[in-house]
Every structure is written in C-alpha cells, then in structure tokens.
Amino acid sequence: MGAVNKAKGVVSGVADYVCLVRGSRGEPFLCIEFKTEKGGQTERQKEFQQRVLEQGGVYQVARSVEQAKEIWKEYLG
C-alpha cells in the first residue's frame, strides 16, 4: 500500500483531509487526520500538525466520519 500511495504523490505525515478554504474565524486552512478509536499519530503526523499550527491552521483528529463532519461544520461556521 505504501508504494501505491507514494506513486499517487501521498507524502508521509500529511493529514488525510486538507481544506484550503478560510474558516469562519479567519483560519487559513483546516487539516483532519482520520484515526480509529485506538489509533495514534505517527511522529511525522505530529510534526505536520505542529507545522499546521505554526501557520495558523486548524488541525483535528477525527475518530469517525460523523466527527469529521462536525469539525468541518464548526470550522466553516
């Protein structure tokens, strides 16, 4: 699977979902990482999260599609 993702241009650590639309509070972008209930972030994902936050973006971990929808709705206002 890693070779397939690499061929598609996927970069290790980058969030699963990136929304490049300004948020309702002026945030420049939103990143959502999808994880299972017990799943944790890799070191590369934590580094990416830190970069997002340094740029004023929003980074959230979603444990379900419903939670991701709520994060997105709140971000857009």
PDB file of N, CA and C in Angstrom:
ATOM      1  N   MET A   1       0.829  -1.197   0.000  1.00  0.00           N
ATOM      2  CA  MET A   1       0.000   0.000   0.000  1.00  0.00           C
ATOM      3  C   MET A   1       0.868   1.254   0.000  1.00  0.00           C
ATOM      4  N   GLY A   2       1.991   1.229   0.702  1.00  0.00           N
ATOM      5  CA  GLY A   2       2.873   2.390   0.745  1.00  0.00           C
ATOM      6  C   GLY A   2       3.375   2.785  -0.632  1.00  0.00           C
ATOM      7  N   ALA A   3       3.722   1.792  -1.463  1.00  0.00           N
ATOM      8  CA  ALA A   3       4.214   2.087  -2.814  1.00  0.00           C
ATOM      9  C   ALA A   3       3.116   2.709  -3.666  1.00  0.00           C
ATOM     10  N   VAL A   4       1.896   2.230  -3.486  1.00  0.00           N
ATOM     11  CA  VAL A   4       0.753   2.780  -4.238  1.00  0.00           C
ATOM     12  C   VAL A   4       0.537   4.236  -3.841  1.00  0.00           C
ATOM     13  N   ASN A   5       0.535   4.506  -2.535  1.00  0.00           N
ATOM     14  CA  ASN A   5       0.348   5.885  -2.069  1.00  0.00           C
ATOM     15  C   ASN A   5       1.469   6.789  -2.544  1.00  0.00           C
ATOM     16  N   LYS A   6       2.697   6.306  -2.488  1.00  0.00           N
ATOM     17  CA  LYS A   6       3.834   7.105  -2.952  1.00  0.00           C
ATOM     18  C   LYS A   6       3.688   7.445  -4.434  1.00  0.00           C
ATOM     19  N   ALA A   7       3.247   6.467  -5.228  1.00  0.00           N
ATOM     20  CA  ALA A   7       3.038   6.693  -6.660  1.00  0.00           C
ATOM     21  C   ALA A   7       1.953   7.739  -6.910  1.00  0.00           C
ATOM     22  N   LYS A   8       0.995   7.837  -5.990  1.00  0.00           N
ATOM     23  CA  LYS A   8      -0.076   8.829  -6.111  1.00  0.00           C
ATOM     24  C   LYS A   8       0.363  10.205  -5.635  1.00  0.00           C
ATOM     25  N   GLY A   9       1.549  10.285  -5.059  1.00  0.00           N
ATOM     26  CA  GLY A   9       2.045  11.572  -4.582  1.00  0.00           C
ATOM     27  C   GLY A   9       1.762  11.839  -3.121  1.00  0.00           C
ATOM     28  N   VAL A  10       1.271  10.826  -2.389  1.00  0.00           N
ATOM     29  CA  VAL A  10       0.987  10.998  -0.971  1.00  0.00           C
ATOM     30  C   VAL A  10       2.300  11.156  -0.212  1.00  0.00           C
ATOM     31  N   VAL A  11       2.363  12.155   0.655  1.00  0.00           N
ATOM     32  CA  VAL A  11       3.564  12.422   1.440  1.00  0.00           C
ATOM     33  C   VAL A  11       3.321  11.948   2.868  1.00  0.00           C
ATOM     34  N   SER A  12       4.248  11.208   3.405  1.00  0.00           N
ATOM     35  CA  SER A  12       4.138  10.678   4.764  1.00  0.00           C
ATOM     36  C   SER A  12       3.938  11.805   5.777  1.00  0.00           C
ATOM     37  N   GLY A  13       2.946  11.641   6.631  1.00  0.00           N
ATOM     38  CA  GLY A  13       2.697  12.610   7.693  1.00  0.00           C
ATOM     39  C   GLY A  13       1.623  13.630   7.398  1.00  0.00           C
ATOM     40  N   VAL A  14       1.353  13.890   6.130  1.00  0.00           N
ATOM     41  CA  VAL A  14       0.354  14.888   5.749  1.00  0.00           C
ATOM     42  C   VAL A  14      -1.037  14.377   6.130  1.00  0.00           C
ATOM     43  N   ALA A  15      -1.876  15.282   6.629  1.00  0.00           N
ATOM     44  CA  ALA A  15      -3.227  14.918   7.054  1.00  0.00           C
ATOM     45  C   ALA A  15      -4.022  14.282   5.915  1.00  0.00           C
ATOM     46  N   ASP A  16      -4.995  13.467   6.288  1.00  0.00           N
ATOM     47  CA  ASP A  16      -5.826  12.782   5.307  1.00  0.00           C
ATOM     48  C   ASP A  16      -6.718  13.737   4.528  1.00  0.00           C
ATOM     49  N   TYR A  17      -7.161  14.804   5.163  1.00  0.00           N
ATOM     50  CA  TYR A  17      -8.073  15.770   4.539  1.00  0.00           C
ATOM     51  C   TYR A  17      -7.524  17.169   4.770  1.00  0.00           C
ATOM     52  N   VAL A  18      -7.399  17.929   3.696  1.00  0.00           N
ATOM     53  CA  VAL A  18      -6.930  19.311   3.785  1.00  0.00           C
ATOM     54  C   VAL A  18      -7.941  20.199   3.077  1.00  0.00           C
ATOM     55  N   CYS A  19      -8.494  21.154   3.805  1.00  0.00           N
ATOM     56  CA  CYS A  19      -9.480  22.094   3.276  1.00  0.00           C
ATOM     57  C   CYS A  19      -8.817  23.463   3.157  1.00  0.00           C
ATOM     58  N   LEU A  20      -8.655  23.932   1.934  1.00  0.00           N
ATOM     59  CA  LEU A  20      -7.977  25.203   1.689  1.00  0.00           C
ATOM     60  C   LEU A  20      -8.962  26.360   1.539  1.00  0.00           C
ATOM     61  N   VAL A  21      -9.961  26.354   2.407  1.00  0.00           N
ATOM     62  CA  VAL A  21     -10.959  27.421   2.454  1.00  0.00           C
ATOM     63  C   VAL A  21     -10.834  28.092   3.810  1.00  0.00           C
ATOM     64  N   ARG A  22     -10.850  29.428   3.814  1.00  0.00           N
ATOM     65  CA  ARG A  22     -10.723  30.170   5.069  1.00  0.00           C
ATOM     66  C   ARG A  22     -11.881  29.836   6.002  1.00  0.00           C
ATOM     67  N   GLY A  23     -11.554  29.615   7.273  1.00  0.00           N
ATOM     68  CA  GLY A  23     -12.562  29.292   8.274  1.00  0.00           C
ATOM     69  C   GLY A  23     -13.358  30.509   8.712  1.00  0.00           C
ATOM     70  N   SER A  24     -14.430  30.268   9.440  1.00  0.00           N
ATOM     71  CA  SER A  24     -15.325  31.346   9.872  1.00  0.00           C
ATOM     72  C   SER A  24     -14.654  32.310  10.846  1.00  0.00           C
ATOM     73  N   ARG A  25     -13.589  31.892  11.484  1.00  0.00           N
ATOM     74  CA  ARG A  25     -12.854  32.759  12.413  1.00  0.00           C
ATOM     75  C   ARG A  25     -11.551  33.281  11.801  1.00  0.00           C
ATOM     76  N   GLY A  26     -11.421  33.112  10.489  1.00  0.00           N
ATOM     77  CA  GLY A  26     -10.259  33.638   9.788  1.00  0.00           C
ATOM     78  C   GLY A  26      -9.089  32.685   9.650  1.00  0.00           C
ATOM     79  N   GLU A  27      -9.249  31.442  10.117  1.00  0.00           N
ATOM     80  CA  GLU A  27      -8.168  30.474   9.976  1.00  0.00           C
ATOM     81  C   GLU A  27      -7.919  30.209   8.491  1.00  0.00           C
ATOM     82  N   PRO A  28      -6.645  30.098   8.076  1.00  0.00           N
ATOM     83  CA  PRO A  28      -6.360  29.963   6.647  1.00  0.00           C
ATOM     84  C   PRO A  28      -6.697  28.599   6.046  1.00  0.00           C
ATOM     85  N   PHE A  29      -6.693  27.534   6.847  1.00  0.00           N
ATOM     86  CA  PHE A  29      -6.989  26.203   6.322  1.00  0.00           C
ATOM     87  C   PHE A  29      -7.248  25.217   7.457  1.00  0.00           C
ATOM     88  N   LEU A  30      -7.819  24.075   7.096  1.00  0.00           N
ATOM     89  CA  LEU A  30      -8.179  23.024   8.047  1.00  0.00           C
ATOM     90  C   LEU A  30      -7.580  21.707   7.594  1.00  0.00           C
ATOM     91  N   CYS A  31      -7.010  20.963   8.526  1.00  0.00           N
ATOM     92  CA  CYS A  31      -6.495  19.625   8.258  1.00  0.00           C
ATOM     93  C   CYS A  31      -7.152  18.649   9.226  1.00  0.00           C
ATOM     94  N   ILE A  32      -7.629  17.530   8.686  1.00  0.00           N
ATOM     95  CA  ILE A  32      -8.228  16.492   9.516  1.00  0.00           C
ATOM     96  C   ILE A  32      -7.482  15.185   9.275  1.00  0.00           C
ATOM     97  N   GLU A  33      -7.055  14.567  10.356  1.00  0.00           N
ATOM     98  CA  GLU A  33      -6.421  13.248  10.312  1.00  0.00           C
ATOM     99  C   GLU A  33      -7.441  12.237  10.822  1.00  0.00           C
ATOM    100  N   PHE A  34      -7.694  11.198  10.050  1.00  0.00           N
ATOM    101  CA  PHE A  34      -8.634  10.158  10.459  1.00  0.00           C
ATOM    102  C   PHE A  34      -7.906   9.047  11.188  1.00  0.00           C
ATOM    103  N   LYS A  35      -8.448   8.672  12.340  1.00  0.00           N
ATOM    104  CA  LYS A  35      -7.877   7.593  13.140  1.00  0.00           C
ATOM    105  C   LYS A  35      -8.999   6.708  13.672  1.00  0.00           C
ATOM    106  N   THR A  36      -8.671   5.464  13.952  1.00  0.00           N
ATOM    107  CA  THR A  36      -9.617   4.586  14.619  1.00  0.00           C
ATOM    108  C   THR A  36      -9.720   5.023  16.075  1.00  0.00           C
ATOM    109  N   GLU A  37     -10.622   4.419  16.819  1.00  0.00           N
ATOM    110  CA  GLU A  37     -10.800   4.777  18.233  1.00  0.00           C
ATOM    111  C   GLU A  37      -9.498   4.698  19.012  1.00  0.00           C
ATOM    112  N   LYS A  38      -8.692   3.705  18.726  1.00  0.00           N
ATOM    113  CA  LYS A  38      -7.449   3.500  19.486  1.00  0.00           C
ATOM    114  C   LYS A  38      -6.201   3.936  18.730  1.00  0.00           C
ATOM    115  N   GLY A  39      -6.366   4.389  17.483  1.00  0.00           N
ATOM    116  CA  GLY A  39      -5.223   4.762  16.657  1.00  0.00           C
ATOM    117  C   GLY A  39      -4.543   6.026  17.142  1.00  0.00           C
ATOM    118  N   GLY A  40      -3.237   6.081  16.983  1.00  0.00           N
ATOM    119  CA  GLY A  40      -2.472   7.249  17.381  1.00  0.00           C
ATOM    120  C   GLY A  40      -1.695   7.830  16.212  1.00  0.00           C
ATOM    121  N   GLN A  41      -1.231   9.047  16.386  1.00  0.00           N
ATOM    122  CA  GLN A  41      -0.460   9.719  15.334  1.00  0.00           C
ATOM    123  C   GLN A  41       0.974   9.205  15.306  1.00  0.00           C
ATOM    124  N   THR A  42       1.529   9.165  14.105  1.00  0.00           N
ATOM    125  CA  THR A  42       2.946   8.866  13.952  1.00  0.00           C
ATOM    126  C   THR A  42       3.745  10.125  14.266  1.00  0.00           C
ATOM    127  N   GLU A  43       5.035   9.977  14.411  1.00  0.00           N
ATOM    128  CA  GLU A  43       5.889  11.144  14.650  1.00  0.00           C
ATOM    129  C   GLU A  43       5.796  12.133  13.490  1.00  0.00           C
ATOM    130  N   ARG A  44       5.750  11.636  12.263  1.00  0.00           N
ATOM    131  CA  ARG A  44       5.632  12.532  11.095  1.00  0.00           C
ATOM    132  C   ARG A  44       4.314  13.283  11.104  1.00  0.00           C
ATOM    133  N   GLN A  45       3.248  12.636  11.543  1.00  0.00           N
ATOM    134  CA  GLN A  45       1.952  13.307  11.643  1.00  0.00           C
ATOM    135  C   GLN A  45       1.983  14.390  12.715  1.00  0.00           C
ATOM    136  N   LYS A  46       2.652  14.125  13.815  1.00  0.00           N
ATOM    137  CA  LYS A  46       2.791  15.127  14.876  1.00  0.00           C
ATOM    138  C   LYS A  46       3.614  16.317  14.393  1.00  0.00           C
ATOM    139  N   GLU A  47       4.644  16.054  13.610  1.00  0.00           N
ATOM    140  CA  GLU A  47       5.457  17.140  13.038  1.00  0.00           C
ATOM    141  C   GLU A  47       4.614  17.980  12.077  1.00  0.00           C
ATOM    142  N   PHE A  48       3.818  17.307  11.245  1.00  0.00           N
ATOM    143  CA  PHE A  48       2.950  18.021  10.313  1.00  0.00           C
ATOM    144  C   PHE A  48       1.942  18.866  11.081  1.00  0.00           C
ATOM    145  N   GLN A  49       1.359  18.316  12.131  1.00  0.00           N
ATOM    146  CA  GLN A  49       0.419  19.056  12.960  1.00  0.00           C
ATOM    147  C   GLN A  49       1.068  20.322  13.496  1.00  0.00           C
ATOM    148  N   GLN A  50       2.285  20.217  13.976  1.00  0.00           N
ATOM    149  CA  GLN A  50       2.990  21.380  14.513  1.00  0.00           C
ATOM    150  C   GLN A  50       3.180  22.448  13.436  1.00  0.00           C
ATOM    151  N   ARG A  51       3.514  22.034  12.230  1.00  0.00           N
ATOM    152  CA  ARG A  51       3.684  22.991  11.121  1.00  0.00           C
ATOM    153  C   ARG A  51       2.371  23.681  10.784  1.00  0.00           C
ATOM    154  N   VAL A  52       1.290  22.919  10.800  1.00  0.00           N
ATOM    155  CA  VAL A  52      -0.038  23.488  10.534  1.00  0.00           C
ATOM    156  C   VAL A  52      -0.351  24.565  11.561  1.00  0.00           C
ATOM    157  N   LEU A  53      -0.158  24.230  12.828  1.00  0.00           N
ATOM    158  CA  LEU A  53      -0.460  25.176  13.904  1.00  0.00           C
ATOM    159  C   LEU A  53       0.431  26.415  13.831  1.00  0.00           C
ATOM    160  N   GLU A  54       1.683  26.255  13.475  1.00  0.00           N
ATOM    161  CA  GLU A  54       2.603  27.392  13.333  1.00  0.00           C
ATOM    162  C   GLU A  54       2.149  28.358  12.250  1.00  0.00           C
ATOM    163  N   GLN A  55       1.435  27.843  11.247  1.00  0.00           N
ATOM    164  CA  GLN A  55       0.949  28.674  10.136  1.00  0.00           C
ATOM    165  C   GLN A  55      -0.454  29.220  10.393  1.00  0.00           C
ATOM    166  N   GLY A  56      -0.991  28.964  11.584  1.00  0.00           N
ATOM    167  CA  GLY A  56      -2.312  29.472  11.919  1.00  0.00           C
ATOM    168  C   GLY A  56      -3.462  28.594  11.471  1.00  0.00           C
ATOM    169  N   GLY A  57      -3.149  27.410  10.961  1.00  0.00           N
ATOM    170  CA  GLY A  57      -4.184  26.494  10.512  1.00  0.00           C
ATOM    171  C   GLY A  57      -4.801  25.736  11.670  1.00  0.00           C
ATOM    172  N   VAL A  58      -5.839  25.004  11.350  1.00  0.00           N
ATOM    173  CA  VAL A  58      -6.534  24.171  12.325  1.00  0.00           C
ATOM    174  C   VAL A  58      -6.236  22.719  11.991  1.00  0.00           C
ATOM    175  N   TYR A  59      -5.869  21.941  13.007  1.00  0.00           N
ATOM    176  CA  TYR A  59      -5.573  20.519  12.831  1.00  0.00           C
ATOM    177  C   TYR A  59      -6.402  19.749  13.838  1.00  0.00           C
ATOM    178  N   GLN A  60      -7.180  18.789  13.356  1.00  0.00           N
ATOM    179  CA  GLN A  60      -8.024  17.983  14.234  1.00  0.00           C
ATOM    180  C   GLN A  60      -7.875  16.507  13.877  1.00  0.00           C
ATOM    181  N   VAL A  61      -8.038  15.663  14.878  1.00  0.00           N
ATOM    182  CA  VAL A  61      -8.086  14.224  14.662  1.00  0.00           C
ATOM    183  C   VAL A  61      -9.540  13.799  14.783  1.00  0.00           C
ATOM    184  N   ALA A  62     -10.043  13.093  13.777  1.00  0.00           N
ATOM    185  CA  ALA A  62     -11.423  12.607  13.782  1.00  0.00           C
ATOM    186  C   ALA A  62     -11.414  11.095  13.943  1.00  0.00           C
ATOM    187  N   ARG A  63     -12.302  10.601  14.798  1.00  0.00           N
ATOM    188  CA  ARG A  63     -12.399   9.167  15.060  1.00  0.00           C
ATOM    189  C   ARG A  63     -13.573   8.525  14.325  1.00  0.00           C
ATOM    190  N   SER A  64     -14.325   9.339  13.572  1.00  0.00           N
ATOM    191  CA  SER A  64     -15.447   8.823  12.778  1.00  0.00           C
ATOM    192  C   SER A  64     -15.784   9.846  11.699  1.00  0.00           C
ATOM    193  N   VAL A  65     -16.541   9.416  10.726  1.00  0.00           N
ATOM    194  CA  VAL A  65     -16.986  10.325   9.675  1.00  0.00           C
ATOM    195  C   VAL A  65     -17.884  11.401  10.272  1.00  0.00           C
ATOM    196  N   GLU A  66     -18.748  11.001  11.192  1.00  0.00           N
ATOM    197  CA  GLU A  66     -19.638  11.976  11.834  1.00  0.00           C
ATOM    198  C   GLU A  66     -18.839  13.045  12.580  1.00  0.00           C
ATOM    199  N   GLN A  67     -17.801  12.641  13.280  1.00  0.00           N
ATOM    200  CA  GLN A  67     -16.966  13.609  13.987  1.00  0.00           C
ATOM    201  C   GLN A  67     -16.270  14.542  12.999  1.00  0.00           C
ATOM    202  N   ALA A  68     -15.813  14.016  11.880  1.00  0.00           N
ATOM    203  CA  ALA A  68     -15.177  14.849  10.855  1.00  0.00           C
ATOM    204  C   ALA A  68     -16.168  15.870  10.301  1.00  0.00           C
ATOM    205  N   LYS A  69     -17.414  15.451  10.091  1.00  0.00           N
ATOM    206  CA  LYS A  69     -18.438  16.378   9.605  1.00  0.00           C
ATOM    207  C   LYS A  69     -18.664  17.509  10.601  1.00  0.00           C
ATOM    208  N   GLU A  70     -18.684  17.187  11.874  1.00  0.00           N
ATOM    209  CA  GLU A  70     -18.878  18.209  12.906  1.00  0.00           C
ATOM    210  C   GLU A  70     -17.700  19.178  12.950  1.00  0.00           C
ATOM    211  N   ILE A  71     -16.499  18.658  12.828  1.00  0.00           N
ATOM    212  CA  ILE A  71     -15.305  19.508  12.795  1.00  0.00           C
ATOM    213  C   ILE A  71     -15.401  20.469  11.616  1.00  0.00           C
ATOM    214  N   TRP A  72     -15.773  19.956  10.448  1.00  0.00           N
ATOM    215  CA  TRP A  72     -15.867  20.752   9.233  1.00  0.00           C
ATOM    216  C   TRP A  72     -16.949  21.824   9.365  1.00  0.00           C
ATOM    217  N   LYS A  73     -18.123  21.435   9.906  1.00  0.00           N
ATOM    218  CA  LYS A  73     -19.206  22.407  10.089  1.00  0.00           C
ATOM    219  C   LYS A  73     -18.799  23.524  11.042  1.00  0.00           C
ATOM    220  N   GLU A  74     -18.156  23.166  12.125  1.00  0.00           N
ATOM    221  CA  GLU A  74     -17.712  24.172  13.095  1.00  0.00           C
ATOM    222  C   GLU A  74     -16.675  25.099  12.466  1.00  0.00           C
ATOM    223  N   TYR A  75     -15.766  24.534  11.683  1.00  0.00           N
ATOM    224  CA  TYR A  75     -14.721  25.327  11.025  1.00  0.00           C
ATOM    225  C   TYR A  75     -15.341  26.355  10.077  1.00  0.00           C
ATOM    226  N   LEU A  76     -16.334  25.927   9.306  1.00  0.00           N
ATOM    227  CA  LEU A  76     -16.951  26.832   8.332  1.00  0.00           C
ATOM    228  C   LEU A  76     -17.978  27.761   8.945  1.00  0.00           C
ATOM    229  N   GLY A  77     -18.424  27.447  10.153  1.00  0.00           N
ATOM    230  CA  GLY A  77     -19.397  28.302  10.830  1.00  0.00           C
ATOM    231  C   GLY A  77     -20.748  28.075  10.293  1.00  0.00           C
TER     232      GLY A  77
END
